[in-house]
Amino acid sequence: MAPKKAKKRQQQGEGGSSNVFSMFEQSQIQEYKEAFTIIDQNRDGIISKDDLRDVLATMGQLNVKNEELEAMVKEASGPINFTVFLTMFGEKLKGADPEDAIVSAFKVLDPEATGFIKKEFIEELLTTQCDRFTAEEMTNLWAAFPPDVAGNIDYKQICYVITHGEEKEDE
């Protein structure tokens, strides 16, 4: 069964909703608003090149080229206010795979249907196939999703976070 958001996107079709706010839950909109506020360094309600440069500098990226910043700003059709910002995220998320599709992809690597895959196996795949992960990306992955004491990774948890953006509360 597809998640609520995936069903909603399917019902809306390729054109999506005319109201971008209907694409997201209220809690998601609030999170995007907080992110927008952080990026809008000068608090003028518009994300500019200077805002991007400043926020990237606070994250340690000090030598970002002007062309890179211009390319980021040009992804929008005009000035990036909050509605445009939200629309850009909606467009990027349109067509994203639902959770069950991602879980099914992982199940191919789990023939015994345990819900777990060995850390070493995932690491080998991610560092040797297609768009290879760097050592830093692997470190970040294991920091976010540490293996259990037996070296297993709960891929259903990873899929949940990919599609929902937060960890499930333990029940």
N, C-alpha and C. Protein backbone atom coordinates (compact mmCIF):
# COMPACT_ATOMS: atom_id res chain seq x y z
N MET A 1 0.84 -1.18 0.00
CA MET A 1 0.00 0.00 0.00
C MET A 1 0.88 1.24 0.00
N ALA A 2 0.64 2.16 -0.89
CA ALA A 2 1.47 3.36 -1.02
C ALA A 2 1.18 4.33 0.12
N PRO A 3 2.22 5.08 0.55
CA PRO A 3 2.00 6.08 1.59
C PRO A 3 1.01 7.16 1.14
N LYS A 4 0.45 7.88 2.13
CA LYS A 4 -0.56 8.91 1.82
C LYS A 4 -0.06 9.91 0.79
N LYS A 5 1.16 10.39 0.96
CA LYS A 5 1.68 11.42 0.05
C LYS A 5 1.81 10.87 -1.37
N ALA A 6 2.26 9.62 -1.51
CA ALA A 6 2.40 9.04 -2.83
C ALA A 6 1.05 8.92 -3.51
N LYS A 7 0.04 8.49 -2.74
CA LYS A 7 -1.31 8.37 -3.31
C LYS A 7 -1.81 9.74 -3.74
N LYS A 8 -1.58 10.75 -2.91
CA LYS A 8 -2.05 12.09 -3.23
C LYS A 8 -1.40 12.58 -4.52
N ARG A 9 -0.06 12.32 -4.65
CA ARG A 9 0.63 12.74 -5.87
C ARG A 9 0.09 12.00 -7.08
N GLN A 10 -0.22 10.69 -6.91
CA GLN A 10 -0.74 9.92 -8.02
C GLN A 10 -2.10 10.45 -8.45
N GLN A 11 -2.93 10.83 -7.49
CA GLN A 11 -4.25 11.35 -7.81
C GLN A 11 -4.16 12.70 -8.50
N GLN A 12 -3.13 13.49 -8.15
CA GLN A 12 -2.99 14.81 -8.74
C GLN A 12 -2.47 14.73 -10.17
N GLY A 13 -1.82 13.64 -10.50
CA GLY A 13 -1.30 13.48 -11.85
C GLY A 13 -0.01 14.26 -12.02
N GLU A 14 0.47 14.32 -13.25
CA GLU A 14 1.74 14.96 -13.54
C GLU A 14 1.71 16.45 -13.28
N GLY A 15 0.58 17.09 -13.47
CA GLY A 15 0.51 18.53 -13.31
C GLY A 15 0.60 18.97 -11.86
N GLY A 16 0.32 18.08 -10.92
CA GLY A 16 0.37 18.42 -9.51
C GLY A 16 -0.76 19.34 -9.13
N SER A 17 -0.68 19.85 -7.94
CA SER A 17 -1.72 20.72 -7.42
C SER A 17 -1.40 22.17 -7.73
N SER A 18 -2.43 22.97 -7.94
CA SER A 18 -2.20 24.39 -8.17
C SER A 18 -1.80 25.05 -6.87
N ASN A 19 -2.10 24.44 -5.75
CA ASN A 19 -1.73 24.98 -4.46
C ASN A 19 -0.61 24.11 -3.88
N VAL A 20 0.60 24.63 -3.91
CA VAL A 20 1.75 23.85 -3.46
C VAL A 20 1.62 23.45 -2.00
N PHE A 21 0.92 24.23 -1.20
CA PHE A 21 0.77 23.92 0.21
C PHE A 21 -0.03 22.64 0.44
N SER A 22 -0.85 22.24 -0.53
CA SER A 22 -1.63 21.01 -0.37
C SER A 22 -0.78 19.77 -0.60
N MET A 23 0.43 19.94 -1.12
CA MET A 23 1.31 18.80 -1.38
C MET A 23 1.99 18.29 -0.11
N PHE A 24 1.99 19.11 0.92
CA PHE A 24 2.73 18.78 2.13
C PHE A 24 1.83 18.80 3.35
N GLU A 25 2.23 18.04 4.36
CA GLU A 25 1.55 18.10 5.65
C GLU A 25 1.99 19.37 6.37
N GLN A 26 1.19 19.82 7.31
CA GLN A 26 1.49 21.06 8.02
C GLN A 26 2.86 21.00 8.70
N SER A 27 3.21 19.85 9.28
CA SER A 27 4.52 19.73 9.95
C SER A 27 5.67 19.86 8.95
N GLN A 28 5.48 19.35 7.74
CA GLN A 28 6.51 19.48 6.72
C GLN A 28 6.66 20.94 6.29
N ILE A 29 5.53 21.62 6.12
CA ILE A 29 5.57 23.04 5.74
C ILE A 29 6.33 23.83 6.79
N GLN A 30 6.09 23.53 8.06
CA GLN A 30 6.79 24.23 9.14
C GLN A 30 8.29 23.97 9.07
N GLU A 31 8.68 22.73 8.78
CA GLU A 31 10.11 22.42 8.66
C GLU A 31 10.74 23.16 7.49
N TYR A 32 10.04 23.22 6.35
CA TYR A 32 10.55 23.98 5.20
C TYR A 32 10.64 25.46 5.53
N LYS A 33 9.68 25.97 6.29
CA LYS A 33 9.70 27.38 6.69
C LYS A 33 10.92 27.67 7.55
N GLU A 34 11.23 26.76 8.47
CA GLU A 34 12.41 26.93 9.31
C GLU A 34 13.68 26.91 8.47
N ALA A 35 13.75 26.00 7.51
CA ALA A 35 14.91 25.94 6.62
C ALA A 35 15.02 27.22 5.80
N PHE A 36 13.89 27.69 5.27
CA PHE A 36 13.89 28.93 4.49
C PHE A 36 14.42 30.09 5.33
N THR A 37 13.96 30.17 6.57
CA THR A 37 14.39 31.25 7.46
C THR A 37 15.89 31.19 7.73
N ILE A 38 16.43 30.00 7.86
CA ILE A 38 17.87 29.85 8.06
C ILE A 38 18.64 30.31 6.82
N ILE A 39 18.16 29.93 5.64
CA ILE A 39 18.85 30.29 4.40
C ILE A 39 18.72 31.78 4.10
N ASP A 40 17.57 32.37 4.40
CA ASP A 40 17.33 33.80 4.15
C ASP A 40 18.07 34.61 5.22
N GLN A 41 19.38 34.68 5.06
CA GLN A 41 20.25 35.28 6.06
C GLN A 41 19.94 36.75 6.36
N ASN A 42 19.54 37.51 5.33
CA ASN A 42 19.27 38.94 5.57
C ASN A 42 17.81 39.22 5.93
N ARG A 43 17.01 38.16 6.04
CA ARG A 43 15.62 38.23 6.50
C ARG A 43 14.74 39.17 5.66
N ASP A 44 14.99 39.20 4.35
CA ASP A 44 14.14 40.05 3.49
C ASP A 44 13.03 39.27 2.81
N GLY A 45 12.90 37.97 3.10
CA GLY A 45 11.83 37.17 2.52
C GLY A 45 12.16 36.59 1.15
N ILE A 46 13.38 36.82 0.67
CA ILE A 46 13.83 36.32 -0.63
C ILE A 46 15.21 35.68 -0.45
N ILE A 47 15.40 34.49 -1.01
CA ILE A 47 16.72 33.86 -0.97
C ILE A 47 17.50 34.35 -2.19
N SER A 48 18.63 34.99 -1.91
CA SER A 48 19.48 35.55 -2.97
C SER A 48 20.82 34.81 -2.99
N LYS A 49 21.66 35.17 -3.96
CA LYS A 49 23.01 34.63 -4.04
C LYS A 49 23.77 34.90 -2.76
N ASP A 50 23.64 36.11 -2.25
CA ASP A 50 24.35 36.48 -1.03
C ASP A 50 23.89 35.63 0.16
N ASP A 51 22.58 35.37 0.23
CA ASP A 51 22.05 34.51 1.29
C ASP A 51 22.67 33.12 1.19
N LEU A 52 22.71 32.57 -0.02
CA LEU A 52 23.28 31.24 -0.22
C LEU A 52 24.75 31.22 0.16
N ARG A 53 25.50 32.26 -0.27
CA ARG A 53 26.92 32.34 0.06
C ARG A 53 27.10 32.36 1.58
N ASP A 54 26.29 33.17 2.26
CA ASP A 54 26.41 33.29 3.72
C ASP A 54 26.08 31.99 4.44
N VAL A 55 25.00 31.33 4.03
CA VAL A 55 24.62 30.09 4.71
C VAL A 55 25.63 28.98 4.42
N LEU A 56 26.16 28.93 3.21
CA LEU A 56 27.19 27.94 2.90
C LEU A 56 28.45 28.21 3.71
N ALA A 57 28.79 29.49 3.91
CA ALA A 57 29.96 29.85 4.72
C ALA A 57 29.78 29.39 6.16
N THR A 58 28.56 29.49 6.69
CA THR A 58 28.33 29.04 8.06
C THR A 58 28.50 27.53 8.18
N MET A 59 28.37 26.82 7.05
CA MET A 59 28.55 25.37 7.05
C MET A 59 29.96 24.98 6.64
N GLY A 60 30.86 25.98 6.50
CA GLY A 60 32.26 25.68 6.21
C GLY A 60 32.65 25.71 4.75
N GLN A 61 31.70 25.98 3.86
CA GLN A 61 32.02 26.06 2.43
C GLN A 61 32.30 27.52 2.09
N LEU A 62 33.58 27.89 2.14
CA LEU A 62 33.95 29.30 2.03
C LEU A 62 34.26 29.75 0.61
N ASN A 63 34.64 28.85 -0.26
CA ASN A 63 35.09 29.24 -1.59
C ASN A 63 34.12 28.80 -2.68
N VAL A 64 32.84 29.09 -2.51
CA VAL A 64 31.84 28.73 -3.51
C VAL A 64 31.91 29.75 -4.64
N LYS A 65 31.98 29.24 -5.86
CA LYS A 65 32.09 30.12 -7.02
C LYS A 65 30.78 30.85 -7.29
N ASN A 66 30.91 32.06 -7.78
CA ASN A 66 29.75 32.88 -8.11
C ASN A 66 28.85 32.16 -9.11
N GLU A 67 29.44 31.46 -10.06
CA GLU A 67 28.67 30.74 -11.08
C GLU A 67 27.80 29.65 -10.45
N GLU A 68 28.34 28.98 -9.44
CA GLU A 68 27.57 27.95 -8.75
C GLU A 68 26.36 28.56 -8.04
N LEU A 69 26.57 29.69 -7.40
CA LEU A 69 25.48 30.37 -6.70
C LEU A 69 24.42 30.85 -7.69
N GLU A 70 24.88 31.39 -8.81
CA GLU A 70 23.94 31.85 -9.85
C GLU A 70 23.12 30.70 -10.38
N ALA A 71 23.76 29.55 -10.58
CA ALA A 71 23.05 28.37 -11.08
C ALA A 71 21.97 27.93 -10.08
N MET A 72 22.29 28.01 -8.79
CA MET A 72 21.31 27.63 -7.77
C MET A 72 20.10 28.56 -7.82
N VAL A 73 20.35 29.85 -7.89
CA VAL A 73 19.26 30.84 -7.90
C VAL A 73 18.45 30.73 -9.18
N LYS A 74 19.10 30.40 -10.29
CA LYS A 74 18.40 30.31 -11.58
C LYS A 74 17.51 29.08 -11.70
N GLU A 75 17.59 28.16 -10.74
CA GLU A 75 16.69 27.01 -10.76
C GLU A 75 15.25 27.46 -10.57
N ALA A 76 15.07 28.62 -9.96
CA ALA A 76 13.73 29.17 -9.75
C ALA A 76 13.37 30.06 -10.93
N SER A 77 12.07 30.20 -11.16
CA SER A 77 11.60 31.02 -12.28
C SER A 77 11.67 32.51 -11.99
N GLY A 78 11.89 32.87 -10.75
CA GLY A 78 11.97 34.27 -10.35
C GLY A 78 12.55 34.36 -8.96
N PRO A 79 12.29 35.46 -8.25
CA PRO A 79 12.80 35.59 -6.88
C PRO A 79 12.31 34.43 -6.01
N ILE A 80 13.18 33.93 -5.15
CA ILE A 80 12.85 32.76 -4.34
C ILE A 80 12.25 33.21 -3.00
N ASN A 81 10.92 33.38 -3.00
CA ASN A 81 10.22 33.61 -1.73
C ASN A 81 9.84 32.24 -1.18
N PHE A 82 9.13 32.21 -0.06
CA PHE A 82 8.82 30.91 0.55
C PHE A 82 7.97 30.03 -0.34
N THR A 83 6.99 30.60 -1.03
CA THR A 83 6.12 29.80 -1.90
C THR A 83 6.92 29.18 -3.04
N VAL A 84 7.83 29.96 -3.63
CA VAL A 84 8.69 29.43 -4.70
C VAL A 84 9.60 28.34 -4.14
N PHE A 85 10.15 28.58 -2.96
CA PHE A 85 11.02 27.61 -2.29
C PHE A 85 10.28 26.29 -2.10
N LEU A 86 9.06 26.37 -1.59
CA LEU A 86 8.24 25.17 -1.37
C LEU A 86 7.91 24.49 -2.69
N THR A 87 7.60 25.28 -3.70
CA THR A 87 7.30 24.73 -5.03
C THR A 87 8.50 23.98 -5.59
N MET A 88 9.70 24.53 -5.39
CA MET A 88 10.91 23.86 -5.87
C MET A 88 11.07 22.50 -5.21
N PHE A 89 10.80 22.41 -3.91
CA PHE A 89 10.88 21.12 -3.23
C PHE A 89 9.81 20.19 -3.75
N GLY A 90 8.62 20.70 -3.98
CA GLY A 90 7.54 19.88 -4.52
C GLY A 90 7.90 19.29 -5.87
N GLU A 91 8.53 20.11 -6.72
CA GLU A 91 8.94 19.63 -8.04
C GLU A 91 10.03 18.58 -7.94
N LYS A 92 10.96 18.77 -7.01
CA LYS A 92 12.03 17.78 -6.83
C LYS A 92 11.49 16.46 -6.29
N LEU A 93 10.45 16.54 -5.46
CA LEU A 93 9.89 15.33 -4.86
C LEU A 93 8.89 14.63 -5.76
N LYS A 94 8.37 15.34 -6.75
CA LYS A 94 7.37 14.74 -7.65
C LYS A 94 7.98 13.52 -8.33
N GLY A 95 7.27 12.43 -8.27
CA GLY A 95 7.76 11.21 -8.90
C GLY A 95 8.70 10.41 -8.03
N ALA A 96 8.96 10.87 -6.80
CA ALA A 96 9.81 10.10 -5.90
C ALA A 96 9.14 8.76 -5.61
N ASP A 97 9.96 7.76 -5.49
CA ASP A 97 9.43 6.42 -5.26
C ASP A 97 8.76 6.34 -3.89
N PRO A 98 7.62 5.65 -3.82
CA PRO A 98 6.99 5.44 -2.52
C PRO A 98 7.81 4.45 -1.70
N GLU A 99 7.57 4.45 -0.42
CA GLU A 99 8.34 3.63 0.52
C GLU A 99 8.33 2.15 0.12
N ASP A 100 7.17 1.63 -0.28
CA ASP A 100 7.11 0.19 -0.60
C ASP A 100 7.97 -0.16 -1.81
N ALA A 101 8.14 0.74 -2.75
CA ALA A 101 8.99 0.48 -3.91
C ALA A 101 10.46 0.42 -3.50
N ILE A 102 10.86 1.29 -2.60
CA ILE A 102 12.25 1.29 -2.13
C ILE A 102 12.53 0.05 -1.29
N VAL A 103 11.58 -0.31 -0.43
CA VAL A 103 11.74 -1.54 0.38
C VAL A 103 11.85 -2.75 -0.56
N SER A 104 11.05 -2.79 -1.60
CA SER A 104 11.11 -3.92 -2.55
C SER A 104 12.48 -4.02 -3.20
N ALA A 105 13.09 -2.88 -3.49
CA ALA A 105 14.43 -2.89 -4.08
C ALA A 105 15.44 -3.49 -3.10
N PHE A 106 15.34 -3.14 -1.83
CA PHE A 106 16.23 -3.72 -0.82
C PHE A 106 15.97 -5.21 -0.63
N LYS A 107 14.72 -5.63 -0.75
CA LYS A 107 14.37 -7.05 -0.53
C LYS A 107 15.11 -7.97 -1.50
N VAL A 108 15.47 -7.46 -2.65
CA VAL A 108 16.24 -8.25 -3.61
C VAL A 108 17.57 -8.67 -2.98
N LEU A 109 18.09 -7.82 -2.10
CA LEU A 109 19.36 -8.11 -1.43
C LEU A 109 19.18 -8.89 -0.13
N ASP A 110 17.95 -9.26 0.17
CA ASP A 110 17.61 -9.96 1.41
C ASP A 110 16.76 -11.19 1.09
N PRO A 111 17.35 -12.22 0.46
CA PRO A 111 16.56 -13.38 0.01
C PRO A 111 15.88 -14.14 1.15
N GLU A 112 16.40 -14.06 2.38
CA GLU A 112 15.77 -14.74 3.51
C GLU A 112 14.68 -13.89 4.16
N ALA A 113 14.46 -12.68 3.66
CA ALA A 113 13.42 -11.77 4.16
C ALA A 113 13.55 -11.51 5.66
N THR A 114 14.77 -11.21 6.10
CA THR A 114 15.01 -10.94 7.51
C THR A 114 14.73 -9.48 7.87
N GLY A 115 14.75 -8.62 6.86
CA GLY A 115 14.61 -7.18 7.12
C GLY A 115 15.95 -6.51 7.36
N PHE A 116 17.02 -7.30 7.27
CA PHE A 116 18.36 -6.79 7.51
C PHE A 116 19.29 -7.21 6.38
N ILE A 117 20.32 -6.39 6.18
CA ILE A 117 21.39 -6.71 5.22
C ILE A 117 22.71 -6.43 5.93
N LYS A 118 23.69 -7.25 5.67
CA LYS A 118 25.00 -7.08 6.30
C LYS A 118 25.63 -5.75 5.86
N LYS A 119 26.19 -5.06 6.84
CA LYS A 119 26.84 -3.77 6.59
C LYS A 119 27.92 -3.90 5.51
N GLU A 120 28.73 -4.93 5.60
CA GLU A 120 29.83 -5.10 4.65
C GLU A 120 29.31 -5.25 3.21
N PHE A 121 28.19 -5.94 3.07
CA PHE A 121 27.61 -6.14 1.74
C PHE A 121 27.12 -4.82 1.15
N ILE A 122 26.39 -4.04 1.95
CA ILE A 122 25.91 -2.74 1.47
C ILE A 122 27.09 -1.83 1.15
N GLU A 123 28.09 -1.83 2.03
CA GLU A 123 29.26 -0.98 1.81
C GLU A 123 29.98 -1.35 0.52
N GLU A 124 30.11 -2.63 0.26
CA GLU A 124 30.76 -3.07 -0.98
C GLU A 124 29.97 -2.60 -2.20
N LEU A 125 28.65 -2.77 -2.16
CA LEU A 125 27.82 -2.33 -3.29
C LEU A 125 27.91 -0.83 -3.52
N LEU A 126 27.81 -0.06 -2.43
CA LEU A 126 27.77 1.40 -2.55
C LEU A 126 29.11 2.01 -2.94
N THR A 127 30.20 1.30 -2.68
CA THR A 127 31.51 1.86 -3.01
C THR A 127 32.09 1.30 -4.30
N THR A 128 31.43 0.31 -4.90
CA THR A 128 31.99 -0.29 -6.12
C THR A 128 31.05 -0.23 -7.32
N GLN A 129 29.80 0.14 -7.14
CA GLN A 129 28.82 0.10 -8.23
C GLN A 129 28.31 1.51 -8.55
N CYS A 130 27.99 1.75 -9.80
CA CYS A 130 27.32 2.98 -10.29
C CYS A 130 27.91 4.25 -9.68
N ASP A 131 27.05 5.10 -9.10
CA ASP A 131 27.52 6.33 -8.45
C ASP A 131 28.12 5.95 -7.11
N ARG A 132 29.41 5.75 -7.11
CA ARG A 132 30.09 5.20 -5.93
C ARG A 132 30.13 6.20 -4.78
N PHE A 133 29.87 5.69 -3.58
CA PHE A 133 29.96 6.50 -2.37
C PHE A 133 31.43 6.71 -2.02
N THR A 134 31.73 7.88 -1.50
CA THR A 134 33.07 8.16 -1.00
C THR A 134 33.18 7.62 0.42
N ALA A 135 34.39 7.62 0.95
CA ALA A 135 34.59 7.18 2.33
C ALA A 135 33.81 8.08 3.29
N GLU A 136 33.80 9.38 3.01
CA GLU A 136 33.05 10.31 3.86
C GLU A 136 31.55 10.02 3.82
N GLU A 137 31.02 9.72 2.64
CA GLU A 137 29.60 9.39 2.53
C GLU A 137 29.27 8.11 3.29
N MET A 138 30.17 7.15 3.24
CA MET A 138 29.94 5.91 4.00
C MET A 138 29.96 6.19 5.50
N THR A 139 30.90 7.03 5.94
CA THR A 139 30.96 7.40 7.36
C THR A 139 29.65 8.06 7.79
N ASN A 140 29.14 8.97 6.94
CA ASN A 140 27.88 9.65 7.25
C ASN A 140 26.71 8.66 7.28
N LEU A 141 26.70 7.71 6.36
CA LEU A 141 25.63 6.71 6.32
C LEU A 141 25.62 5.90 7.61
N TRP A 142 26.80 5.43 8.04
CA TRP A 142 26.84 4.59 9.24
C TRP A 142 26.60 5.41 10.50
N ALA A 143 26.89 6.71 10.46
CA ALA A 143 26.55 7.56 11.60
C ALA A 143 25.04 7.71 11.71
N ALA A 144 24.37 7.82 10.56
CA ALA A 144 22.91 7.98 10.55
C ALA A 144 22.19 6.66 10.81
N PHE A 145 22.75 5.57 10.30
CA PHE A 145 22.12 4.26 10.42
C PHE A 145 23.15 3.24 10.90
N PRO A 146 23.49 3.30 12.18
CA PRO A 146 24.52 2.37 12.67
C PRO A 146 24.04 0.92 12.63
N PRO A 147 24.95 0.03 12.27
CA PRO A 147 24.58 -1.40 12.26
C PRO A 147 24.40 -1.90 13.69
N ASP A 148 23.65 -3.00 13.81
CA ASP A 148 23.48 -3.61 15.13
C ASP A 148 24.78 -4.34 15.52
N VAL A 149 24.79 -4.96 16.67
CA VAL A 149 26.02 -5.61 17.17
C VAL A 149 26.49 -6.74 16.25
N ALA A 150 25.59 -7.32 15.47
CA ALA A 150 25.96 -8.40 14.54
C ALA A 150 26.38 -7.85 13.17
N GLY A 151 26.39 -6.51 13.02
CA GLY A 151 26.80 -5.92 11.75
C GLY A 151 25.70 -5.87 10.72
N ASN A 152 24.44 -5.89 11.16
CA ASN A 152 23.30 -5.85 10.25
C ASN A 152 22.71 -4.45 10.18
N ILE A 153 22.18 -4.11 9.01
CA ILE A 153 21.52 -2.83 8.78
C ILE A 153 20.03 -3.08 8.58
N ASP A 154 19.21 -2.33 9.30
CA ASP A 154 17.75 -2.41 9.16
C ASP A 154 17.34 -1.55 7.96
N TYR A 155 17.18 -2.18 6.80
CA TYR A 155 16.90 -1.40 5.60
C TYR A 155 15.49 -0.81 5.58
N LYS A 156 14.57 -1.40 6.32
CA LYS A 156 13.23 -0.81 6.39
C LYS A 156 13.27 0.55 7.09
N GLN A 157 14.14 0.68 8.09
CA GLN A 157 14.31 1.96 8.78
C GLN A 157 14.90 3.00 7.81
N ILE A 158 15.88 2.59 7.02
CA ILE A 158 16.48 3.50 6.03
C ILE A 158 15.41 3.96 5.05
N CYS A 159 14.60 3.03 4.57
CA CYS A 159 13.54 3.37 3.61
C CYS A 159 12.53 4.34 4.22
N TYR A 160 12.21 4.13 5.48
CA TYR A 160 11.26 5.03 6.15
C TYR A 160 11.84 6.45 6.21
N VAL A 161 13.09 6.56 6.58
CA VAL A 161 13.71 7.88 6.68
C VAL A 161 13.82 8.53 5.30
N ILE A 162 14.14 7.76 4.28
CA ILE A 162 14.23 8.30 2.92
C ILE A 162 12.90 8.91 2.51
N THR A 163 11.81 8.25 2.81
CA THR A 163 10.50 8.71 2.34
C THR A 163 9.79 9.64 3.31
N HIS A 164 10.16 9.61 4.59
CA HIS A 164 9.46 10.45 5.57
C HIS A 164 10.35 11.52 6.19
N GLY A 165 11.66 11.36 6.07
CA GLY A 165 12.57 12.36 6.57
C GLY A 165 12.82 12.34 8.06
N GLU A 166 12.34 11.35 8.75
CA GLU A 166 12.58 11.27 10.19
C GLU A 166 12.46 9.83 10.62
N GLU A 167 13.08 9.53 11.76
CA GLU A 167 13.04 8.17 12.26
C GLU A 167 11.70 7.87 12.93
N LYS A 168 11.27 6.62 12.81
CA LYS A 168 10.05 6.16 13.49
C LYS A 168 10.28 6.19 14.99
N GLU A 169 9.24 6.52 15.71
CA GLU A 169 9.29 6.42 17.17
C GLU A 169 9.17 4.96 17.52
N ASP A 170 9.98 4.51 18.46
CA ASP A 170 9.86 3.11 18.92
C ASP A 170 8.54 2.96 19.64
N GLU A 171 7.84 1.89 19.30
CA GLU A 171 6.51 1.68 19.86
C GLU A 171 6.52 0.74 21.02
